[in-house]
């Protein structure tokens, strides 16, 4: 994502379900002149389609990019090879600080209440996903997932390739463009992230079950949960809600 932003000047937006292929779409070529995107010398103005062609050349040379399509309207559609690398980028970046508006907002402005603590209440689902992701890290250690792996060493992002893993990655990939937006839509975003994370924990377990030995896939999923927890914590803080320690 960082490399894509370096070429495009702004975060692209994920497109499609990502169940099979991981695509982003960008309107970078439509946002201004070629000078603004830094792709042509001497500030010469170009049509969006020409700017898109130039950007596509740079994108195709970017590590991790599998394919770039240029649409007739100047939109760029970019496929990345290993969507699981988004987890590493999110966790490597410094933790985001709440905006000044969010820092001064009381809990009473939250879009949903803490109670009732049932699945019909999105506020419970979001808060529980935050707590659950932390619990998964503790359970993983207790069940023998190596601590060094869950901390990031030797984790293989390409193993996050199942449909439930991909669904989580697809929502996580929205974070940079939402941060860049004037209206991030935090509440709806956190609800979707919590929904796909709960499904992933239930259907593609990040911890060994029964006599199952810990594997690299478990380690990758635990690390993905760490990224989910960080993003949920950021979003809750933006909404003026203190992330819960336990439920």
C-alpha atoms as a PDB file:
ATOM      1  CA  UNK A   1       0.000   0.000   0.000  1.00  0.00           C
ATOM      2  CA  UNK A   2       2.796   2.414   0.868  1.00  0.00           C
ATOM      3  CA  UNK A   3       4.424   1.788  -2.502  1.00  0.00           C
ATOM      4  CA  UNK A   4       1.106   2.329  -4.323  1.00  0.00           C
ATOM      5  CA  UNK A   5       0.559   5.610  -2.487  1.00  0.00           C
ATOM      6  CA  UNK A   6       4.046   6.699  -3.448  1.00  0.00           C
ATOM      7  CA  UNK A   7       3.148   6.372  -7.120  1.00  0.00           C
ATOM      8  CA  UNK A   8      -0.476   7.509  -6.993  1.00  0.00           C
ATOM      9  CA  UNK A   9      -0.175  10.317  -4.460  1.00  0.00           C
ATOM     10  CA  UNK A  10      -3.174   9.039  -2.480  1.00  0.00           C
ATOM     11  CA  UNK A  11      -4.398   5.661  -1.228  1.00  0.00           C
ATOM     12  CA  UNK A  12      -6.301   3.606  -3.810  1.00  0.00           C
ATOM     13  CA  UNK A  13      -9.635   2.013  -2.859  1.00  0.00           C
ATOM     14  CA  UNK A  14     -10.055  -1.779  -2.753  1.00  0.00           C
ATOM     15  CA  UNK A  15     -12.511  -3.140  -5.288  1.00  0.00           C
ATOM     16  CA  UNK A  16     -14.464  -6.384  -5.403  1.00  0.00           C
ATOM     17  CA  UNK A  17     -14.646  -9.144  -2.816  1.00  0.00           C
ATOM     18  CA  UNK A  18     -10.952 -10.198  -2.948  1.00  0.00           C
ATOM     19  CA  UNK A  19     -12.059 -13.821  -2.660  1.00  0.00           C
ATOM     20  CA  UNK A  20      -9.894 -14.683  -5.673  1.00  0.00           C
ATOM     21  CA  UNK A  21      -7.926 -11.597  -6.743  1.00  0.00           C
ATOM     22  CA  UNK A  22      -7.021  -8.475  -4.777  1.00  0.00           C
ATOM     23  CA  UNK A  23      -7.810  -5.331  -6.768  1.00  0.00           C
ATOM     24  CA  UNK A  24      -7.566  -1.613  -6.050  1.00  0.00           C
ATOM     25  CA  UNK A  25      -8.981   1.245  -8.102  1.00  0.00           C
ATOM     26  CA  UNK A  26      -7.480   4.734  -8.295  1.00  0.00           C
ATOM     27  CA  UNK A  27      -8.640   8.014  -9.782  1.00  0.00           C
ATOM     28  CA  UNK A  28      -5.167   9.572  -9.490  1.00  0.00           C
ATOM     29  CA  UNK A  29      -5.096  10.456 -13.192  1.00  0.00           C
ATOM     30  CA  UNK A  30      -8.315  12.459 -12.835  1.00  0.00           C
ATOM     31  CA  UNK A  31      -7.321  14.528  -9.823  1.00  0.00           C
ATOM     32  CA  UNK A  32      -5.212  17.087 -11.648  1.00  0.00           C
ATOM     33  CA  UNK A  33      -2.449  17.694 -14.141  1.00  0.00           C
ATOM     34  CA  UNK A  34       0.472  15.399 -14.736  1.00  0.00           C
ATOM     35  CA  UNK A  35       2.603  17.885 -12.837  1.00  0.00           C
ATOM     36  CA  UNK A  36       0.490  17.266  -9.738  1.00  0.00           C
ATOM     37  CA  UNK A  37       1.099  13.526  -9.963  1.00  0.00           C
ATOM     38  CA  UNK A  38       4.792  13.995 -10.603  1.00  0.00           C
ATOM     39  CA  UNK A  39       4.940  11.923 -13.770  1.00  0.00           C
ATOM     40  CA  UNK A  40       5.920  14.411 -16.443  1.00  0.00           C
ATOM     41  CA  UNK A  41       8.693  17.016 -16.650  1.00  0.00           C
ATOM     42  CA  UNK A  42       8.247  20.771 -16.914  1.00  0.00           C
ATOM     43  CA  UNK A  43       4.647  20.668 -15.668  1.00  0.00           C
ATOM     44  CA  UNK A  44       3.174  19.920 -19.084  1.00  0.00           C
ATOM     45  CA  UNK A  45      -0.575  19.314 -18.879  1.00  0.00           C
ATOM     46  CA  UNK A  46      -1.867  15.985 -20.144  1.00  0.00           C
ATOM     47  CA  UNK A  47      -5.240  14.355 -20.576  1.00  0.00           C
ATOM     48  CA  UNK A  48      -6.261  11.945 -17.792  1.00  0.00           C
ATOM     49  CA  UNK A  49      -5.818   8.936 -20.088  1.00  0.00           C
ATOM     50  CA  UNK A  50      -2.228   9.958 -20.828  1.00  0.00           C
ATOM     51  CA  UNK A  51      -1.490  10.482 -17.151  1.00  0.00           C
ATOM     52  CA  UNK A  52      -3.012   7.081 -16.401  1.00  0.00           C
ATOM     53  CA  UNK A  53      -0.766   5.419 -18.979  1.00  0.00           C
ATOM     54  CA  UNK A  54       2.303   7.006 -17.413  1.00  0.00           C
ATOM     55  CA  UNK A  55       1.254   6.009 -13.926  1.00  0.00           C
ATOM     56  CA  UNK A  56       0.576   2.470 -15.108  1.00  0.00           C
ATOM     57  CA  UNK A  57       4.178   2.131 -16.302  1.00  0.00           C
ATOM     58  CA  UNK A  58       5.439   3.073 -12.840  1.00  0.00           C
ATOM     59  CA  UNK A  59       2.942   0.820 -11.102  1.00  0.00           C
ATOM     60  CA  UNK A  60       3.923  -2.201 -13.178  1.00  0.00           C
ATOM     61  CA  UNK A  61       7.503  -1.706 -12.010  1.00  0.00           C
ATOM     62  CA  UNK A  62       6.423  -1.590  -8.352  1.00  0.00           C
ATOM     63  CA  UNK A  63       7.244  -4.712  -6.305  1.00  0.00           C
ATOM     64  CA  UNK A  64       4.129  -6.615  -5.287  1.00  0.00           C
ATOM     65  CA  UNK A  65       1.998  -5.400  -8.200  1.00  0.00           C
ATOM     66  CA  UNK A  66       0.770  -8.251 -10.359  1.00  0.00           C
ATOM     67  CA  UNK A  67      -1.264  -6.400 -12.982  1.00  0.00           C
ATOM     68  CA  UNK A  68      -2.393  -2.887 -13.925  1.00  0.00           C
ATOM     69  CA  UNK A  69      -5.317  -2.068 -16.208  1.00  0.00           C
ATOM     70  CA  UNK A  70      -6.072   1.402 -17.556  1.00  0.00           C
ATOM     71  CA  UNK A  71      -9.734   2.078 -18.157  1.00  0.00           C
ATOM     72  CA  UNK A  72     -10.906   4.417 -20.968  1.00  0.00           C
ATOM     73  CA  UNK A  73     -12.095   6.935 -18.366  1.00  0.00           C
ATOM     74  CA  UNK A  74      -8.601   7.183 -16.881  1.00  0.00           C
ATOM     75  CA  UNK A  75      -9.266   4.952 -13.884  1.00  0.00           C
ATOM     76  CA  UNK A  76      -6.401   2.666 -12.874  1.00  0.00           C
ATOM     77  CA  UNK A  77      -7.195  -0.853 -11.657  1.00  0.00           C
ATOM     78  CA  UNK A  78      -4.307  -2.497  -9.832  1.00  0.00           C
ATOM     79  CA  UNK A  79      -3.984  -6.118  -8.739  1.00  0.00           C
ATOM     80  CA  UNK A  80      -1.576  -6.908  -5.902  1.00  0.00           C
ATOM     81  CA  UNK A  81       0.102 -10.278  -5.604  1.00  0.00           C
ATOM     82  CA  UNK A  82       0.061 -10.853  -1.822  1.00  0.00           C
ATOM     83  CA  UNK A  83      -2.776  -9.075  -0.002  1.00  0.00           C
ATOM     84  CA  UNK A  84      -1.589 -10.491   3.341  1.00  0.00           C
ATOM     85  CA  UNK A  85       1.279  -7.996   3.244  1.00  0.00           C
ATOM     86  CA  UNK A  86      -1.257  -5.354   4.260  1.00  0.00           C
ATOM     87  CA  UNK A  87      -1.115  -6.806   7.773  1.00  0.00           C
ATOM     88  CA  UNK A  88       2.621  -6.184   8.020  1.00  0.00           C
ATOM     89  CA  UNK A  89       2.226  -2.618   6.782  1.00  0.00           C
ATOM     90  CA  UNK A  90      -0.523  -1.828   9.280  1.00  0.00           C
ATOM     91  CA  UNK A  91       1.462  -3.194  12.193  1.00  0.00           C
ATOM     92  CA  UNK A  92       4.756  -1.630  11.118  1.00  0.00           C
ATOM     93  CA  UNK A  93       3.247   1.852  10.928  1.00  0.00           C
ATOM     94  CA  UNK A  94       3.124   4.029  14.060  1.00  0.00           C
ATOM     95  CA  UNK A  95      -0.184   3.823  15.885  1.00  0.00           C
ATOM     96  CA  UNK A  96      -2.538   6.512  14.606  1.00  0.00           C
ATOM     97  CA  UNK A  97      -3.434   9.292  17.018  1.00  0.00           C
ATOM     98  CA  UNK A  98      -7.110  10.271  17.389  1.00  0.00           C
ATOM     99  CA  UNK A  99      -8.116  13.460  15.632  1.00  0.00           C
ATOM    100  CA  UNK A 100      -8.604  16.538  17.895  1.00  0.00           C
ATOM    101  CA  UNK A 101     -12.359  16.258  17.387  1.00  0.00           C
ATOM    102  CA  UNK A 102     -12.379  12.617  18.415  1.00  0.00           C
ATOM    103  CA  UNK A 103     -10.156  13.223  21.418  1.00  0.00           C
ATOM    104  CA  UNK A 104     -12.676  15.659  22.868  1.00  0.00           C
ATOM    105  CA  UNK A 105     -15.792  13.620  22.050  1.00  0.00           C
ATOM    106  CA  UNK A 106     -17.535  11.933  25.009  1.00  0.00           C
ATOM    107  CA  UNK A 107     -18.742   8.343  24.946  1.00  0.00           C
ATOM    108  CA  UNK A 108     -22.314   9.613  24.675  1.00  0.00           C
ATOM    109  CA  UNK A 109     -21.791  10.437  20.993  1.00  0.00           C
ATOM    110  CA  UNK A 110     -21.089   6.795  20.119  1.00  0.00           C
ATOM    111  CA  UNK A 111     -23.309   5.577  17.267  1.00  0.00           C
ATOM    112  CA  UNK A 112     -24.388   2.504  19.211  1.00  0.00           C
ATOM    113  CA  UNK A 113     -24.713   1.599  22.901  1.00  0.00           C
ATOM    114  CA  UNK A 114     -22.677  -0.902  24.878  1.00  0.00           C
ATOM    115  CA  UNK A 115     -25.826  -2.768  25.946  1.00  0.00           C
ATOM    116  CA  UNK A 116     -27.560  -5.058  25.264  1.00  0.00           C
ATOM    117  CA  UNK A 117     -24.622  -7.393  24.794  1.00  0.00           C
ATOM    118  CA  UNK A 118     -26.188  -9.433  22.025  1.00  0.00           C
ATOM    119  CA  UNK A 119     -25.282  -9.921  18.367  1.00  0.00           C
ATOM    120  CA  UNK A 120     -28.199  -7.680  17.400  1.00  0.00           C
ATOM    121  CA  UNK A 121     -26.284  -4.731  18.855  1.00  0.00           C
ATOM    122  CA  UNK A 122     -23.433  -3.632  16.536  1.00  0.00           C
ATOM    123  CA  UNK A 123     -21.807  -1.859  19.472  1.00  0.00           C
ATOM    124  CA  UNK A 124     -21.373  -5.180  21.244  1.00  0.00           C
ATOM    125  CA  UNK A 125     -20.085  -6.898  18.093  1.00  0.00           C
ATOM    126  CA  UNK A 126     -17.430  -4.209  17.571  1.00  0.00           C
ATOM    127  CA  UNK A 127     -16.301  -4.063  21.181  1.00  0.00           C
ATOM    128  CA  UNK A 128     -16.259  -7.849  21.446  1.00  0.00           C
ATOM    129  CA  UNK A 129     -14.174  -8.152  18.271  1.00  0.00           C
ATOM    130  CA  UNK A 130     -11.592  -5.846  19.845  1.00  0.00           C
ATOM    131  CA  UNK A 131     -11.493  -7.922  23.035  1.00  0.00           C
ATOM    132  CA  UNK A 132     -11.607 -11.201  21.117  1.00  0.00           C
ATOM    133  CA  UNK A 133      -8.592 -10.338  18.996  1.00  0.00           C
ATOM    134  CA  UNK A 134      -6.601  -9.720  22.167  1.00  0.00           C
ATOM    135  CA  UNK A 135      -7.818 -12.981  23.696  1.00  0.00           C
ATOM    136  CA  UNK A 136      -6.788 -14.883  20.552  1.00  0.00           C
ATOM    137  CA  UNK A 137      -3.207 -13.697  21.055  1.00  0.00           C
ATOM    138  CA  UNK A 138      -3.204 -15.014  24.623  1.00  0.00           C
ATOM    139  CA  UNK A 139      -4.817 -18.330  23.649  1.00  0.00           C
ATOM    140  CA  UNK A 140      -2.310 -18.767  20.829  1.00  0.00           C
ATOM    141  CA  UNK A 141       0.588 -18.451  23.241  1.00  0.00           C
ATOM    142  CA  UNK A 142      -1.018 -20.919  25.638  1.00  0.00           C
ATOM    143  CA  UNK A 143      -1.608 -23.431  22.825  1.00  0.00           C
ATOM    144  CA  UNK A 144       1.942 -23.318  21.556  1.00  0.00           C
ATOM    145  CA  UNK A 145       1.939 -20.839  18.687  1.00  0.00           C
ATOM    146  CA  UNK A 146       5.524 -19.539  18.985  1.00  0.00           C
ATOM    147  CA  UNK A 147       5.699 -16.079  20.521  1.00  0.00           C
ATOM    148  CA  UNK A 148       8.345 -14.982  18.030  1.00  0.00           C
ATOM    149  CA  UNK A 149       6.031 -15.828  15.150  1.00  0.00           C
ATOM    150  CA  UNK A 150       3.070 -13.907  16.557  1.00  0.00           C
ATOM    151  CA  UNK A 151       5.394 -10.947  17.021  1.00  0.00           C
ATOM    152  CA  UNK A 152       6.037 -10.931  13.292  1.00  0.00           C
ATOM    153  CA  UNK A 153       9.128 -13.065  12.738  1.00  0.00           C
ATOM    154  CA  UNK A 154       8.823 -15.666   9.999  1.00  0.00           C
ATOM    155  CA  UNK A 155       5.137 -14.974   9.374  1.00  0.00           C
ATOM    156  CA  UNK A 156       4.252 -15.758   5.764  1.00  0.00           C
ATOM    157  CA  UNK A 157       1.587 -13.338   4.512  1.00  0.00           C
ATOM    158  CA  UNK A 158       0.861 -15.487   1.453  1.00  0.00           C
ATOM    159  CA  UNK A 159      -0.738 -18.059   3.790  1.00  0.00           C
ATOM    160  CA  UNK A 160      -3.663 -15.687   4.402  1.00  0.00           C
ATOM    161  CA  UNK A 161      -5.319 -16.984   1.276  1.00  0.00           C
ATOM    162  CA  UNK A 162      -8.566 -18.607   2.422  1.00  0.00           C
ATOM    163  CA  UNK A 163     -11.927 -16.927   1.755  1.00  0.00           C
ATOM    164  CA  UNK A 164     -12.422 -15.842   5.379  1.00  0.00           C
ATOM    165  CA  UNK A 165      -8.868 -14.504   5.623  1.00  0.00           C
ATOM    166  CA  UNK A 166      -9.353 -12.656   2.349  1.00  0.00           C
ATOM    167  CA  UNK A 167     -12.594 -11.090   3.614  1.00  0.00           C
ATOM    168  CA  UNK A 168     -10.747  -9.613   6.597  1.00  0.00           C
ATOM    169  CA  UNK A 169      -7.879  -8.374   4.421  1.00  0.00           C
ATOM    170  CA  UNK A 170     -10.370  -6.742   2.049  1.00  0.00           C
ATOM    171  CA  UNK A 171     -11.842  -4.633   4.846  1.00  0.00           C
ATOM    172  CA  UNK A 172      -8.453  -3.832   6.372  1.00  0.00           C
ATOM    173  CA  UNK A 173      -7.327  -2.568   2.969  1.00  0.00           C
ATOM    174  CA  UNK A 174      -9.914   0.215   3.165  1.00  0.00           C
ATOM    175  CA  UNK A 175      -8.213   1.861   6.132  1.00  0.00           C
ATOM    176  CA  UNK A 176      -5.718   4.117   4.268  1.00  0.00           C
ATOM    177  CA  UNK A 177      -8.362   5.555   1.931  1.00  0.00           C
ATOM    178  CA  UNK A 178     -10.778   6.045   4.833  1.00  0.00           C
ATOM    179  CA  UNK A 179      -8.129   7.896   6.824  1.00  0.00           C
ATOM    180  CA  UNK A 180      -7.635  10.093   3.763  1.00  0.00           C
ATOM    181  CA  UNK A 181     -11.367  10.786   3.404  1.00  0.00           C
ATOM    182  CA  UNK A 182     -13.252  13.780   4.760  1.00  0.00           C
ATOM    183  CA  UNK A 183     -15.986  11.380   5.885  1.00  0.00           C
ATOM    184  CA  UNK A 184     -14.333   8.113   6.983  1.00  0.00           C
ATOM    185  CA  UNK A 185     -17.627   6.495   8.035  1.00  0.00           C
ATOM    186  CA  UNK A 186     -15.987   4.898  11.063  1.00  0.00           C
ATOM    187  CA  UNK A 187     -19.093   3.330  12.586  1.00  0.00           C
ATOM    188  CA  UNK A 188     -20.175   1.400   9.496  1.00  0.00           C
ATOM    189  CA  UNK A 189     -16.580   0.449   8.773  1.00  0.00           C
ATOM    190  CA  UNK A 190     -15.978  -0.985  12.243  1.00  0.00           C
ATOM    191  CA  UNK A 191     -19.223  -2.946  12.044  1.00  0.00           C
ATOM    192  CA  UNK A 192     -18.080  -4.583   8.788  1.00  0.00           C
ATOM    193  CA  UNK A 193     -14.600  -5.287  10.140  1.00  0.00           C
ATOM    194  CA  UNK A 194     -16.035  -6.870  13.289  1.00  0.00           C
ATOM    195  CA  UNK A 195     -18.423  -8.988  11.218  1.00  0.00           C
ATOM    196  CA  UNK A 196     -15.740 -10.457   8.964  1.00  0.00           C
ATOM    197  CA  UNK A 197     -13.341 -10.974  11.862  1.00  0.00           C
ATOM    198  CA  UNK A 198     -15.881 -12.891  13.948  1.00  0.00           C
ATOM    199  CA  UNK A 199     -16.622 -15.068  10.901  1.00  0.00           C
ATOM    200  CA  UNK A 200     -12.920 -15.702  10.376  1.00  0.00           C
ATOM    201  CA  UNK A 201     -12.347 -16.741  13.986  1.00  0.00           C
ATOM    202  CA  UNK A 202     -15.299 -19.133  13.824  1.00  0.00           C
ATOM    203  CA  UNK A 203     -14.698 -20.589  10.350  1.00  0.00           C
ATOM    204  CA  UNK A 204     -10.928 -20.273   9.861  1.00  0.00           C
ATOM    205  CA  UNK A 205      -9.562 -20.587  13.373  1.00  0.00           C
ATOM    206  CA  UNK A 206      -6.410 -18.647  14.268  1.00  0.00           C
ATOM    207  CA  UNK A 207      -5.657 -21.088  17.092  1.00  0.00           C
ATOM    208  CA  UNK A 208      -5.188 -24.877  17.082  1.00  0.00           C
ATOM    209  CA  UNK A 209      -8.253 -26.941  17.964  1.00  0.00           C
ATOM    210  CA  UNK A 210      -8.253 -30.290  19.684  1.00  0.00           C
ATOM    211  CA  UNK A 211      -5.076 -32.224  18.916  1.00  0.00           C
ATOM    212  CA  UNK A 212      -4.218 -30.009  15.977  1.00  0.00           C
ATOM    213  CA  UNK A 213      -0.598 -28.797  16.109  1.00  0.00           C
ATOM    214  CA  UNK A 214       0.179 -25.087  15.748  1.00  0.00           C
ATOM    215  CA  UNK A 215       1.070 -24.163  12.182  1.00  0.00           C
ATOM    216  CA  UNK A 216       2.332 -21.196  10.207  1.00  0.00           C
ATOM    217  CA  UNK A 217      -1.242 -20.545   9.094  1.00  0.00           C
ATOM    218  CA  UNK A 218      -2.310 -20.113  12.711  1.00  0.00           C
ATOM    219  CA  UNK A 219       0.565 -17.695  13.255  1.00  0.00           C
ATOM    220  CA  UNK A 220      -0.413 -15.624  10.224  1.00  0.00           C
ATOM    221  CA  UNK A 221      -4.030 -15.475  11.380  1.00  0.00           C
ATOM    222  CA  UNK A 222      -3.048 -14.434  14.896  1.00  0.00           C
ATOM    223  CA  UNK A 223      -0.969 -11.632  13.430  1.00  0.00           C
ATOM    224  CA  UNK A 224      -3.895 -10.589  11.227  1.00  0.00           C
ATOM    225  CA  UNK A 225      -6.033 -10.426  14.363  1.00  0.00           C
ATOM    226  CA  UNK A 226      -3.441  -8.129  15.898  1.00  0.00           C
ATOM    227  CA  UNK A 227      -3.933  -5.772  12.961  1.00  0.00           C
ATOM    228  CA  UNK A 228      -7.716  -6.019  13.328  1.00  0.00           C
ATOM    229  CA  UNK A 229      -7.444  -5.105  17.001  1.00  0.00           C
ATOM    230  CA  UNK A 230      -5.289  -2.090  16.231  1.00  0.00           C
ATOM    231  CA  UNK A 231      -7.685  -0.823  13.570  1.00  0.00           C
ATOM    232  CA  UNK A 232     -10.733  -1.377  15.784  1.00  0.00           C
ATOM    233  CA  UNK A 233      -9.001   0.494  18.590  1.00  0.00           C
ATOM    234  CA  UNK A 234      -8.241   3.403  16.285  1.00  0.00           C
ATOM    235  CA  UNK A 235     -11.806   3.556  15.014  1.00  0.00           C
ATOM    236  CA  UNK A 236     -13.316   3.359  18.493  1.00  0.00           C
ATOM    237  CA  UNK A 237     -11.064   6.202  19.631  1.00  0.00           C
ATOM    238  CA  UNK A 238     -12.159   8.282  16.625  1.00  0.00           C
ATOM    239  CA  UNK A 239     -15.753   7.752  17.722  1.00  0.00           C
ATOM    240  CA  UNK A 240     -14.955   8.822  21.262  1.00  0.00           C
ATOM    241  CA  UNK A 241     -15.348   5.300  22.654  1.00  0.00           C
ATOM    242  CA  UNK A 242     -12.752   3.886  25.021  1.00  0.00           C
ATOM    243  CA  UNK A 243     -11.653   0.440  23.723  1.00  0.00           C
ATOM    244  CA  UNK A 244     -12.723  -2.101  26.374  1.00  0.00           C
ATOM    245  CA  UNK A 245     -10.221  -4.113  28.375  1.00  0.00           C
ATOM    246  CA  UNK A 246     -12.596  -7.047  28.698  1.00  0.00           C
ATOM    247  CA  UNK A 247     -16.225  -8.046  28.178  1.00  0.00           C
END
